[in-house]
Amino acid sequence: MKRTRRRYLGLKIDCDETFDSREFMSAVWDAVLRLYGEYGASRAGLALIDYDAAKKLVILRTSHTTVRMVRAALASITKVQDRPVAVHVLAVSGTIRALSEKMTRKHT
């Protein structure tokens, strides 16, 4: 069986209010389902790796073949729990360590 290659996306949440990780992931799953249906959502293999509500930074894991799909779904998110929000992709990487380095360079 072939090992699945993964990509990690570093995200910045642009919102005046805070919300918890479950609310955010619910919005992400809803966006993926709305754009690509259940089959596309199952291919994405989304997982929340890190959620920092104070800094409004998120690390998501997805399959390497679905990075474009996930980015499109993230761009379509305009509300989380009826609160206006925008999600920006800061960096994409194959490892969490490299992603953290890229995000610190772009975020500082």
PDB file of N, CA and C in Angstrom:
ATOM      1  N   MET A   1       0.843  -1.178   0.000  1.00  0.00           N
ATOM      2  CA  MET A   1       0.000   0.000   0.000  1.00  0.00           C
ATOM      3  C   MET A   1       0.883   1.233   0.000  1.00  0.00           C
ATOM      4  N   LYS A   2       0.533   2.169  -0.835  1.00  0.00           N
ATOM      5  CA  LYS A   2       1.324   3.379  -0.977  1.00  0.00           C
ATOM      6  C   LYS A   2       1.011   4.371   0.135  1.00  0.00           C
ATOM      7  N   ARG A   3       2.051   5.003   0.658  1.00  0.00           N
ATOM      8  CA  ARG A   3       1.888   5.984   1.727  1.00  0.00           C
ATOM      9  C   ARG A   3       1.314   7.278   1.151  1.00  0.00           C
ATOM     10  N   THR A   4       0.385   7.875   1.866  1.00  0.00           N
ATOM     11  CA  THR A   4      -0.209   9.126   1.386  1.00  0.00           C
ATOM     12  C   THR A   4       0.704  10.289   1.728  1.00  0.00           C
ATOM     13  N   ARG A   5       0.966  11.110   0.745  1.00  0.00           N
ATOM     14  CA  ARG A   5       1.774  12.306   0.965  1.00  0.00           C
ATOM     15  C   ARG A   5       0.866  13.410   1.468  1.00  0.00           C
ATOM     16  N   ARG A   6       1.380  14.181   2.409  1.00  0.00           N
ATOM     17  CA  ARG A   6       0.561  15.209   3.030  1.00  0.00           C
ATOM     18  C   ARG A   6       1.184  16.580   2.840  1.00  0.00           C
ATOM     19  N   ARG A   7       0.335  17.586   2.934  1.00  0.00           N
ATOM     20  CA  ARG A   7       0.790  18.974   2.909  1.00  0.00           C
ATOM     21  C   ARG A   7       0.164  19.682   4.099  1.00  0.00           C
ATOM     22  N   TYR A   8       0.899  20.634   4.613  1.00  0.00           N
ATOM     23  CA  TYR A   8       0.447  21.413   5.759  1.00  0.00           C
ATOM     24  C   TYR A   8       0.240  22.850   5.315  1.00  0.00           C
ATOM     25  N   LEU A   9      -0.921  23.402   5.653  1.00  0.00           N
ATOM     26  CA  LEU A   9      -1.264  24.767   5.273  1.00  0.00           C
ATOM     27  C   LEU A   9      -1.269  25.639   6.521  1.00  0.00           C
ATOM     28  N   GLY A  10      -0.529  26.738   6.458  1.00  0.00           N
ATOM     29  CA  GLY A  10      -0.534  27.716   7.534  1.00  0.00           C
ATOM     30  C   GLY A  10      -1.525  28.808   7.192  1.00  0.00           C
ATOM     31  N   LEU A  11      -2.489  29.032   8.067  1.00  0.00           N
ATOM     32  CA  LEU A  11      -3.580  29.965   7.802  1.00  0.00           C
ATOM     33  C   LEU A  11      -3.598  31.101   8.809  1.00  0.00           C
ATOM     34  N   LYS A  12      -4.042  32.251   8.347  1.00  0.00           N
ATOM     35  CA  LYS A  12      -4.280  33.407   9.210  1.00  0.00           C
ATOM     36  C   LYS A  12      -5.772  33.712   9.122  1.00  0.00           C
ATOM     37  N   ILE A  13      -6.426  33.817  10.284  1.00  0.00           N
ATOM     38  CA  ILE A  13      -7.850  34.122  10.330  1.00  0.00           C
ATOM     39  C   ILE A  13      -8.004  35.614  10.566  1.00  0.00           C
ATOM     40  N   ASP A  14      -8.711  36.273   9.659  1.00  0.00           N
ATOM     41  CA  ASP A  14      -8.946  37.712   9.762  1.00  0.00           C
ATOM     42  C   ASP A  14     -10.375  37.918  10.261  1.00  0.00           C
ATOM     43  N   CYS A  15     -10.492  38.184  11.571  1.00  0.00           N
ATOM     44  CA  CYS A  15     -11.800  38.333  12.195  1.00  0.00           C
ATOM     45  C   CYS A  15     -11.653  39.165  13.466  1.00  0.00           C
ATOM     46  N   ASP A  16     -12.664  39.960  13.765  1.00  0.00           N
ATOM     47  CA  ASP A  16     -12.628  40.774  14.975  1.00  0.00           C
ATOM     48  C   ASP A  16     -12.899  39.953  16.230  1.00  0.00           C
ATOM     49  N   GLU A  17     -13.665  38.907  16.104  1.00  0.00           N
ATOM     50  CA  GLU A  17     -14.033  38.082  17.246  1.00  0.00           C
ATOM     51  C   GLU A  17     -13.257  36.771  17.229  1.00  0.00           C
ATOM     52  N   THR A  18     -13.293  36.064  18.353  1.00  0.00           N
ATOM     53  CA  THR A  18     -12.636  34.758  18.421  1.00  0.00           C
ATOM     54  C   THR A  18     -13.698  33.663  18.482  1.00  0.00           C
ATOM     55  N   PHE A  19     -13.310  32.472  18.077  1.00  0.00           N
ATOM     56  CA  PHE A  19     -14.171  31.306  18.142  1.00  0.00           C
ATOM     57  C   PHE A  19     -13.288  30.100  18.343  1.00  0.00           C
ATOM     58  N   ASP A  20     -13.869  28.998  18.738  1.00  0.00           N
ATOM     59  CA  ASP A  20     -13.045  27.831  19.034  1.00  0.00           C
ATOM     60  C   ASP A  20     -12.755  27.009  17.781  1.00  0.00           C
ATOM     61  N   SER A  21     -11.894  26.031  17.950  1.00  0.00           N
ATOM     62  CA  SER A  21     -11.421  25.239  16.817  1.00  0.00           C
ATOM     63  C   SER A  21     -12.548  24.432  16.172  1.00  0.00           C
ATOM     64  N   ARG A  22     -13.493  23.957  16.967  1.00  0.00           N
ATOM     65  CA  ARG A  22     -14.604  23.177  16.395  1.00  0.00           C
ATOM     66  C   ARG A  22     -15.441  24.018  15.453  1.00  0.00           C
ATOM     67  N   GLU A  23     -15.711  25.258  15.827  1.00  0.00           N
ATOM     68  CA  GLU A  23     -16.493  26.141  14.967  1.00  0.00           C
ATOM     69  C   GLU A  23     -15.754  26.411  13.657  1.00  0.00           C
ATOM     70  N   PHE A  24     -14.433  26.624  13.747  1.00  0.00           N
ATOM     71  CA  PHE A  24     -13.654  26.878  12.542  1.00  0.00           C
ATOM     72  C   PHE A  24     -13.637  25.661  11.625  1.00  0.00           C
ATOM     73  N   MET A  25     -13.368  24.478  12.189  1.00  0.00           N
ATOM     74  CA  MET A  25     -13.310  23.270  11.360  1.00  0.00           C
ATOM     75  C   MET A  25     -14.671  22.938  10.762  1.00  0.00           C
ATOM     76  N   SER A  26     -15.733  23.248  11.464  1.00  0.00           N
ATOM     77  CA  SER A  26     -17.069  23.051  10.912  1.00  0.00           C
ATOM     78  C   SER A  26     -17.267  23.917   9.671  1.00  0.00           C
ATOM     79  N   ALA A  27     -16.789  25.153   9.731  1.00  0.00           N
ATOM     80  CA  ALA A  27     -16.888  26.045   8.573  1.00  0.00           C
ATOM     81  C   ALA A  27     -16.036  25.536   7.415  1.00  0.00           C
ATOM     82  N   VAL A  28     -14.852  24.998   7.716  1.00  0.00           N
ATOM     83  CA  VAL A  28     -13.974  24.454   6.666  1.00  0.00           C
ATOM     84  C   VAL A  28     -14.636  23.254   6.002  1.00  0.00           C
ATOM     85  N   TRP A  29     -15.144  22.322   6.811  1.00  0.00           N
ATOM     86  CA  TRP A  29     -15.802  21.138   6.246  1.00  0.00           C
ATOM     87  C   TRP A  29     -17.025  21.521   5.422  1.00  0.00           C
ATOM     88  N   ASP A  30     -17.797  22.483   5.910  1.00  0.00           N
ATOM     89  CA  ASP A  30     -18.974  22.938   5.161  1.00  0.00           C
ATOM     90  C   ASP A  30     -18.577  23.519   3.810  1.00  0.00           C
ATOM     91  N   ALA A  31     -17.488  24.288   3.785  1.00  0.00           N
ATOM     92  CA  ALA A  31     -17.032  24.881   2.528  1.00  0.00           C
ATOM     93  C   ALA A  31     -16.563  23.806   1.547  1.00  0.00           C
ATOM     94  N   VAL A  32     -15.830  22.822   2.034  1.00  0.00           N
ATOM     95  CA  VAL A  32     -15.360  21.736   1.164  1.00  0.00           C
ATOM     96  C   VAL A  32     -16.541  20.923   0.640  1.00  0.00           C
ATOM     97  N   LEU A  33     -17.481  20.611   1.524  1.00  0.00           N
ATOM     98  CA  LEU A  33     -18.668  19.855   1.094  1.00  0.00           C
ATOM     99  C   LEU A  33     -19.496  20.625   0.081  1.00  0.00           C
ATOM    100  N   ARG A  34     -19.646  21.928   0.298  1.00  0.00           N
ATOM    101  CA  ARG A  34     -20.443  22.757  -0.608  1.00  0.00           C
ATOM    102  C   ARG A  34     -19.822  22.806  -2.001  1.00  0.00           C
ATOM    103  N   LEU A  35     -18.490  22.895  -2.071  1.00  0.00           N
ATOM    104  CA  LEU A  35     -17.833  23.017  -3.375  1.00  0.00           C
ATOM    105  C   LEU A  35     -17.595  21.675  -4.070  1.00  0.00           C
ATOM    106  N   TYR A  36     -17.248  20.634  -3.294  1.00  0.00           N
ATOM    107  CA  TYR A  36     -16.795  19.379  -3.911  1.00  0.00           C
ATOM    108  C   TYR A  36     -17.589  18.146  -3.520  1.00  0.00           C
ATOM    109  N   GLY A  37     -18.570  18.299  -2.653  1.00  0.00           N
ATOM    110  CA  GLY A  37     -19.393  17.164  -2.268  1.00  0.00           C
ATOM    111  C   GLY A  37     -18.673  16.223  -1.312  1.00  0.00           C
ATOM    112  N   GLU A  38     -19.351  15.134  -0.995  1.00  0.00           N
ATOM    113  CA  GLU A  38     -18.806  14.185  -0.036  1.00  0.00           C
ATOM    114  C   GLU A  38     -17.573  13.467  -0.571  1.00  0.00           C
ATOM    115  N   TYR A  39     -17.554  13.180  -1.857  1.00  0.00           N
ATOM    116  CA  TYR A  39     -16.396  12.491  -2.429  1.00  0.00           C
ATOM    117  C   TYR A  39     -15.145  13.368  -2.330  1.00  0.00           C
ATOM    118  N   GLY A  40     -15.274  14.632  -2.693  1.00  0.00           N
ATOM    119  CA  GLY A  40     -14.139  15.547  -2.598  1.00  0.00           C
ATOM    120  C   GLY A  40     -13.684  15.746  -1.161  1.00  0.00           C
ATOM    121  N   ALA A  41     -14.638  15.829  -0.249  1.00  0.00           N
ATOM    122  CA  ALA A  41     -14.291  15.998   1.166  1.00  0.00           C
ATOM    123  C   ALA A  41     -13.566  14.772   1.699  1.00  0.00           C
ATOM    124  N   SER A  42     -13.981  13.599   1.262  1.00  0.00           N
ATOM    125  CA  SER A  42     -13.315  12.382   1.732  1.00  0.00           C
ATOM    126  C   SER A  42     -11.899  12.272   1.168  1.00  0.00           C
ATOM    127  N   ARG A  43     -11.668  12.763  -0.025  1.00  0.00           N
ATOM    128  CA  ARG A  43     -10.321  12.748  -0.610  1.00  0.00           C
ATOM    129  C   ARG A  43      -9.382  13.704   0.093  1.00  0.00           C
ATOM    130  N   ALA A  44      -9.926  14.809   0.622  1.00  0.00           N
ATOM    131  CA  ALA A  44      -9.091  15.845   1.227  1.00  0.00           C
ATOM    132  C   ALA A  44      -8.380  15.346   2.470  1.00  0.00           C
ATOM    133  N   GLY A  45      -9.021  14.531   3.272  1.00  0.00           N
ATOM    134  CA  GLY A  45      -8.391  14.024   4.485  1.00  0.00           C
ATOM    135  C   GLY A  45      -7.957  15.147   5.419  1.00  0.00           C
ATOM    136  N   LEU A  46      -8.818  16.118   5.620  1.00  0.00           N
ATOM    137  CA  LEU A  46      -8.481  17.283   6.439  1.00  0.00           C
ATOM    138  C   LEU A  46      -8.284  16.919   7.903  1.00  0.00           C
ATOM    139  N   ALA A  47      -7.307  17.566   8.520  1.00  0.00           N
ATOM    140  CA  ALA A  47      -7.082  17.414   9.955  1.00  0.00           C
ATOM    141  C   ALA A  47      -6.548  18.722  10.503  1.00  0.00           C
ATOM    142  N   LEU A  48      -7.029  19.087  11.668  1.00  0.00           N
ATOM    143  CA  LEU A  48      -6.552  20.287  12.350  1.00  0.00           C
ATOM    144  C   LEU A  48      -5.339  19.898  13.181  1.00  0.00           C
ATOM    145  N   ILE A  49      -4.202  20.517  12.893  1.00  0.00           N
ATOM    146  CA  ILE A  49      -2.968  20.216  13.615  1.00  0.00           C
ATOM    147  C   ILE A  49      -2.773  21.189  14.767  1.00  0.00           C
ATOM    148  N   ASP A  50      -2.955  22.475  14.520  1.00  0.00           N
ATOM    149  CA  ASP A  50      -2.752  23.476  15.561  1.00  0.00           C
ATOM    150  C   ASP A  50      -3.728  24.620  15.359  1.00  0.00           C
ATOM    151  N   TYR A  51      -4.241  25.136  16.467  1.00  0.00           N
ATOM    152  CA  TYR A  51      -5.175  26.257  16.424  1.00  0.00           C
ATOM    153  C   TYR A  51      -4.803  27.204  17.549  1.00  0.00           C
ATOM    154  N   ASP A  52      -4.337  28.393  17.200  1.00  0.00           N
ATOM    155  CA  ASP A  52      -3.966  29.406  18.186  1.00  0.00           C
ATOM    156  C   ASP A  52      -4.974  30.549  18.080  1.00  0.00           C
ATOM    157  N   ALA A  53      -5.941  30.554  18.998  1.00  0.00           N
ATOM    158  CA  ALA A  53      -7.014  31.551  18.947  1.00  0.00           C
ATOM    159  C   ALA A  53      -6.491  32.951  19.234  1.00  0.00           C
ATOM    160  N   ALA A  54      -5.473  33.063  20.072  1.00  0.00           N
ATOM    161  CA  ALA A  54      -4.939  34.377  20.427  1.00  0.00           C
ATOM    162  C   ALA A  54      -4.252  35.045  19.238  1.00  0.00           C
ATOM    163  N   LYS A  55      -3.421  34.277  18.533  1.00  0.00           N
ATOM    164  CA  LYS A  55      -2.698  34.816  17.362  1.00  0.00           C
ATOM    165  C   LYS A  55      -3.501  34.683  16.075  1.00  0.00           C
ATOM    166  N   LYS A  56      -4.595  33.916  16.148  1.00  0.00           N
ATOM    167  CA  LYS A  56      -5.452  33.640  14.991  1.00  0.00           C
ATOM    168  C   LYS A  56      -4.688  32.936  13.866  1.00  0.00           C
ATOM    169  N   LEU A  57      -3.866  31.960  14.262  1.00  0.00           N
ATOM    170  CA  LEU A  57      -3.105  31.150  13.317  1.00  0.00           C
ATOM    171  C   LEU A  57      -3.573  29.700  13.406  1.00  0.00           C
ATOM    172  N   VAL A  58      -3.613  29.049  12.237  1.00  0.00           N
ATOM    173  CA  VAL A  58      -4.100  27.674  12.160  1.00  0.00           C
ATOM    174  C   VAL A  58      -3.150  26.876  11.274  1.00  0.00           C
ATOM    175  N   ILE A  59      -2.939  25.608  11.626  1.00  0.00           N
ATOM    176  CA  ILE A  59      -2.218  24.680  10.757  1.00  0.00           C
ATOM    177  C   ILE A  59      -3.165  23.532  10.431  1.00  0.00           C
ATOM    178  N   LEU A  60      -3.411  23.337   9.135  1.00  0.00           N
ATOM    179  CA  LEU A  60      -4.261  22.254   8.640  1.00  0.00           C
ATOM    180  C   LEU A  60      -3.419  21.262   7.868  1.00  0.00           C
ATOM    181  N   ARG A  61      -3.807  19.979   7.933  1.00  0.00           N
ATOM    182  CA  ARG A  61      -3.153  18.948   7.126  1.00  0.00           C
ATOM    183  C   ARG A  61      -4.138  18.455   6.087  1.00  0.00           C
ATOM    184  N   THR A  62      -3.628  18.233   4.871  1.00  0.00           N
ATOM    185  CA  THR A  62      -4.453  17.688   3.798  1.00  0.00           C
ATOM    186  C   THR A  62      -3.592  16.804   2.902  1.00  0.00           C
ATOM    187  N   SER A  63      -4.213  16.096   2.023  1.00  0.00           N
ATOM    188  CA  SER A  63      -3.501  15.289   1.048  1.00  0.00           C
ATOM    189  C   SER A  63      -2.836  16.200   0.010  1.00  0.00           C
ATOM    190  N   HIS A  64      -1.699  15.777  -0.509  1.00  0.00           N
ATOM    191  CA  HIS A  64      -0.988  16.644  -1.466  1.00  0.00           C
ATOM    192  C   HIS A  64      -1.760  16.833  -2.766  1.00  0.00           C
ATOM    193  N   THR A  65      -2.642  15.908  -3.091  1.00  0.00           N
ATOM    194  CA  THR A  65      -3.402  16.026  -4.336  1.00  0.00           C
ATOM    195  C   THR A  65      -4.590  16.980  -4.211  1.00  0.00           C
ATOM    196  N   THR A  66      -4.959  17.348  -2.994  1.00  0.00           N
ATOM    197  CA  THR A  66      -6.145  18.170  -2.802  1.00  0.00           C
ATOM    198  C   THR A  66      -5.827  19.570  -2.273  1.00  0.00           C
ATOM    199  N   VAL A  67      -4.591  19.997  -2.353  1.00  0.00           N
ATOM    200  CA  VAL A  67      -4.215  21.313  -1.830  1.00  0.00           C
ATOM    201  C   VAL A  67      -4.996  22.416  -2.539  1.00  0.00           C
ATOM    202  N   ARG A  68      -5.103  22.333  -3.848  1.00  0.00           N
ATOM    203  CA  ARG A  68      -5.835  23.365  -4.593  1.00  0.00           C
ATOM    204  C   ARG A  68      -7.310  23.389  -4.223  1.00  0.00           C
ATOM    205  N   MET A  69      -7.893  22.230  -4.031  1.00  0.00           N
ATOM    206  CA  MET A  69      -9.297  22.151  -3.630  1.00  0.00           C
ATOM    207  C   MET A  69      -9.500  22.809  -2.269  1.00  0.00           C
ATOM    208  N   VAL A  70      -8.633  22.489  -1.327  1.00  0.00           N
ATOM    209  CA  VAL A  70      -8.769  23.026   0.030  1.00  0.00           C
ATOM    210  C   VAL A  70      -8.558  24.537   0.026  1.00  0.00           C
ATOM    211  N   ARG A  71      -7.587  25.010  -0.754  1.00  0.00           N
ATOM    212  CA  ARG A  71      -7.358  26.459  -0.828  1.00  0.00           C
ATOM    213  C   ARG A  71      -8.583  27.176  -1.393  1.00  0.00           C
ATOM    214  N   ALA A  72      -9.212  26.591  -2.402  1.00  0.00           N
ATOM    215  CA  ALA A  72     -10.418  27.192  -2.974  1.00  0.00           C
ATOM    216  C   ALA A  72     -11.545  27.199  -1.948  1.00  0.00           C
ATOM    217  N   ALA A  73     -11.679  26.118  -1.205  1.00  0.00           N
ATOM    218  CA  ALA A  73     -12.724  26.054  -0.188  1.00  0.00           C
ATOM    219  C   ALA A  73     -12.460  27.080   0.915  1.00  0.00           C
ATOM    220  N   LEU A  74     -11.206  27.241   1.322  1.00  0.00           N
ATOM    221  CA  LEU A  74     -10.866  28.225   2.347  1.00  0.00           C
ATOM    222  C   LEU A  74     -11.170  29.644   1.875  1.00  0.00           C
ATOM    223  N   ALA A  75     -10.928  29.896   0.606  1.00  0.00           N
ATOM    224  CA  ALA A  75     -11.199  31.226   0.055  1.00  0.00           C
ATOM    225  C   ALA A  75     -12.692  31.527   0.026  1.00  0.00           C
ATOM    226  N   SER A  76     -13.500  30.485  -0.005  1.00  0.00           N
ATOM    227  CA  SER A  76     -14.953  30.697  -0.072  1.00  0.00           C
ATOM    228  C   SER A  76     -15.586  30.917   1.305  1.00  0.00           C
ATOM    229  N   ILE A  77     -14.821  30.770   2.373  1.00  0.00           N
ATOM    230  CA  ILE A  77     -15.374  30.955   3.719  1.00  0.00           C
ATOM    231  C   ILE A  77     -15.518  32.449   3.993  1.00  0.00           C
ATOM    232  N   THR A  78     -16.740  32.872   4.274  1.00  0.00           N
ATOM    233  CA  THR A  78     -16.991  34.278   4.596  1.00  0.00           C
ATOM    234  C   THR A  78     -17.568  34.454   5.992  1.00  0.00           C
ATOM    235  N   LYS A  79     -18.073  33.368   6.582  1.00  0.00           N
ATOM    236  CA  LYS A  79     -18.652  33.451   7.924  1.00  0.00           C
ATOM    237  C   LYS A  79     -18.335  32.193   8.712  1.00  0.00           C
ATOM    238  N   VAL A  80     -18.110  32.385  10.012  1.00  0.00           N
ATOM    239  CA  VAL A  80     -18.004  31.288  10.959  1.00  0.00           C
ATOM    240  C   VAL A  80     -18.991  31.608  12.074  1.00  0.00           C
ATOM    241  N   GLN A  81     -19.999  30.756  12.225  1.00  0.00           N
ATOM    242  CA  GLN A  81     -21.046  30.983  13.226  1.00  0.00           C
ATOM    243  C   GLN A  81     -21.665  32.374  13.080  1.00  0.00           C
ATOM    244  N   ASP A  82     -21.993  32.753  11.867  1.00  0.00           N
ATOM    245  CA  ASP A  82     -22.624  34.045  11.538  1.00  0.00           C
ATOM    246  C   ASP A  82     -21.774  35.255  11.903  1.00  0.00           C
ATOM    247  N   ARG A  83     -20.468  35.064  12.015  1.00  0.00           N
ATOM    248  CA  ARG A  83     -19.544  36.178  12.242  1.00  0.00           C
ATOM    249  C   ARG A  83     -18.667  36.316  10.995  1.00  0.00           C
ATOM    250  N   PRO A  84     -18.539  37.524  10.449  1.00  0.00           N
ATOM    251  CA  PRO A  84     -17.741  37.697   9.229  1.00  0.00           C
ATOM    252  C   PRO A  84     -16.279  37.336   9.464  1.00  0.00           C
ATOM    253  N   VAL A  85     -15.702  36.650   8.484  1.00  0.00           N
ATOM    254  CA  VAL A  85     -14.327  36.175   8.613  1.00  0.00           C
ATOM    255  C   VAL A  85     -13.709  36.023   7.225  1.00  0.00           C
ATOM    256  N   ALA A  86     -12.405  36.148   7.166  1.00  0.00           N
ATOM    257  CA  ALA A  86     -11.641  35.846   5.949  1.00  0.00           C
ATOM    258  C   ALA A  86     -10.479  34.950   6.357  1.00  0.00           C
ATOM    259  N   VAL A  87     -10.178  33.964   5.536  1.00  0.00           N
ATOM    260  CA  VAL A  87      -9.090  33.029   5.826  1.00  0.00           C
ATOM    261  C   VAL A  87      -8.016  33.213   4.758  1.00  0.00           C
ATOM    262  N   HIS A  88      -6.785  33.469   5.191  1.00  0.00           N
ATOM    263  CA  HIS A  88      -5.670  33.686   4.282  1.00  0.00           C
ATOM    264  C   HIS A  88      -4.651  32.567   4.449  1.00  0.00           C
ATOM    265  N   VAL A  89      -4.183  32.006   3.334  1.00  0.00           N
ATOM    266  CA  VAL A  89      -3.153  30.979   3.374  1.00  0.00           C
ATOM    267  C   VAL A  89      -1.798  31.692   3.395  1.00  0.00           C
ATOM    268  N   LEU A  90      -1.050  31.501   4.480  1.00  0.00           N
ATOM    269  CA  LEU A  90       0.264  32.124   4.598  1.00  0.00           C
ATOM    270  C   LEU A  90       1.345  31.303   3.912  1.00  0.00           C
ATOM    271  N   ALA A  91       1.275  29.973   4.069  1.00  0.00           N
ATOM    272  CA  ALA A  91       2.307  29.117   3.509  1.00  0.00           C
ATOM    273  C   ALA A  91       1.788  27.688   3.386  1.00  0.00           C
ATOM    274  N   VAL A  92       2.424  26.923   2.491  1.00  0.00           N
ATOM    275  CA  VAL A  92       2.136  25.501   2.318  1.00  0.00           C
ATOM    276  C   VAL A  92       3.470  24.777   2.332  1.00  0.00           C
ATOM    277  N   SER A  93       3.526  23.651   3.045  1.00  0.00           N
ATOM    278  CA  SER A  93       4.783  22.926   3.137  1.00  0.00           C
ATOM    279  C   SER A  93       4.520  21.435   3.317  1.00  0.00           C
ATOM    280  N   GLY A  94       5.547  20.645   3.126  1.00  0.00           N
ATOM    281  CA  GLY A  94       5.457  19.198   3.291  1.00  0.00           C
ATOM    282  C   GLY A  94       5.726  18.746   4.705  1.00  0.00           C
ATOM    283  N   THR A  95       6.317  19.607   5.540  1.00  0.00           N
ATOM    284  CA  THR A  95       6.574  19.257   6.938  1.00  0.00           C
ATOM    285  C   THR A  95       6.111  20.398   7.846  1.00  0.00           C
ATOM    286  N   ILE A  96       5.790  20.041   9.062  1.00  0.00           N
ATOM    287  CA  ILE A  96       5.332  21.054  10.012  1.00  0.00           C
ATOM    288  C   ILE A  96       6.484  21.993  10.380  1.00  0.00           C
ATOM    289  N   ARG A  97       7.693  21.456  10.493  1.00  0.00           N
ATOM    290  CA  ARG A  97       8.827  22.306  10.859  1.00  0.00           C
ATOM    291  C   ARG A  97       9.091  23.366   9.800  1.00  0.00           C
ATOM    292  N   ALA A  98       9.116  22.974   8.534  1.00  0.00           N
ATOM    293  CA  ALA A  98       9.346  23.942   7.456  1.00  0.00           C
ATOM    294  C   ALA A  98       8.198  24.952   7.389  1.00  0.00           C
ATOM    295  N   LEU A  99       6.989  24.494   7.641  1.00  0.00           N
ATOM    296  CA  LEU A  99       5.847  25.403   7.632  1.00  0.00           C
ATOM    297  C   LEU A  99       5.974  26.434   8.756  1.00  0.00           C
ATOM    298  N   SER A 100       6.363  25.985   9.930  1.00  0.00           N
ATOM    299  CA  SER A 100       6.540  26.913  11.048  1.00  0.00           C
ATOM    300  C   SER A 100       7.588  27.967  10.739  1.00  0.00           C
ATOM    301  N   GLU A 101       8.685  27.561  10.090  1.00  0.00           N
ATOM    302  CA  GLU A 101       9.736  28.515   9.703  1.00  0.00           C
ATOM    303  C   GLU A 101       9.200  29.524   8.692  1.00  0.00           C
ATOM    304  N   LYS A 102       8.460  29.048   7.699  1.00  0.00           N
ATOM    305  CA  LYS A 102       7.895  29.953   6.699  1.00  0.00           C
ATOM    306  C   LYS A 102       6.908  30.928   7.328  1.00  0.00           C
ATOM    307  N   MET A 103       6.099  30.442   8.247  1.00  0.00           N
ATOM    308  CA  MET A 103       5.091  31.290   8.867  1.00  0.00           C
ATOM    309  C   MET A 103       5.736  32.342   9.773  1.00  0.00           C
ATOM    310  N   THR A 104       6.787  31.998  10.468  1.00  0.00           N
ATOM    311  CA  THR A 104       7.438  33.000  11.325  1.00  0.00           C
ATOM    312  C   THR A 104       8.102  34.063  10.476  1.00  0.00           C
ATOM    313  N   ARG A 105       8.640  33.688   9.333  1.00  0.00           N
ATOM    314  CA  ARG A 105       9.243  34.676   8.434  1.00  0.00           C
ATOM    315  C   ARG A 105       8.191  35.622   7.863  1.00  0.00           C
ATOM    316  N   LYS A 106       7.037  35.086   7.471  1.00  0.00           N
ATOM    317  CA  LYS A 106       5.998  35.918   6.875  1.00  0.00           C
ATOM    318  C   LYS A 106       5.200  36.686   7.911  1.00  0.00           C
ATOM    319  N   HIS A 107       5.087  36.129   9.102  1.00  0.00           N
ATOM    320  CA  HIS A 107       4.231  36.746  10.115  1.00  0.00           C
ATOM    321  C   HIS A 107       4.961  37.824  10.924  1.00  0.00           C
ATOM    322  N   THR A 108       6.275  37.813  10.930  1.00  0.00           N
ATOM    323  CA  THR A 108       7.014  38.831  11.700  1.00  0.00           C
ATOM    324  C   THR A 108       7.454  39.972  10.840  1.00  0.00           C
TER     325      THR A 108
END
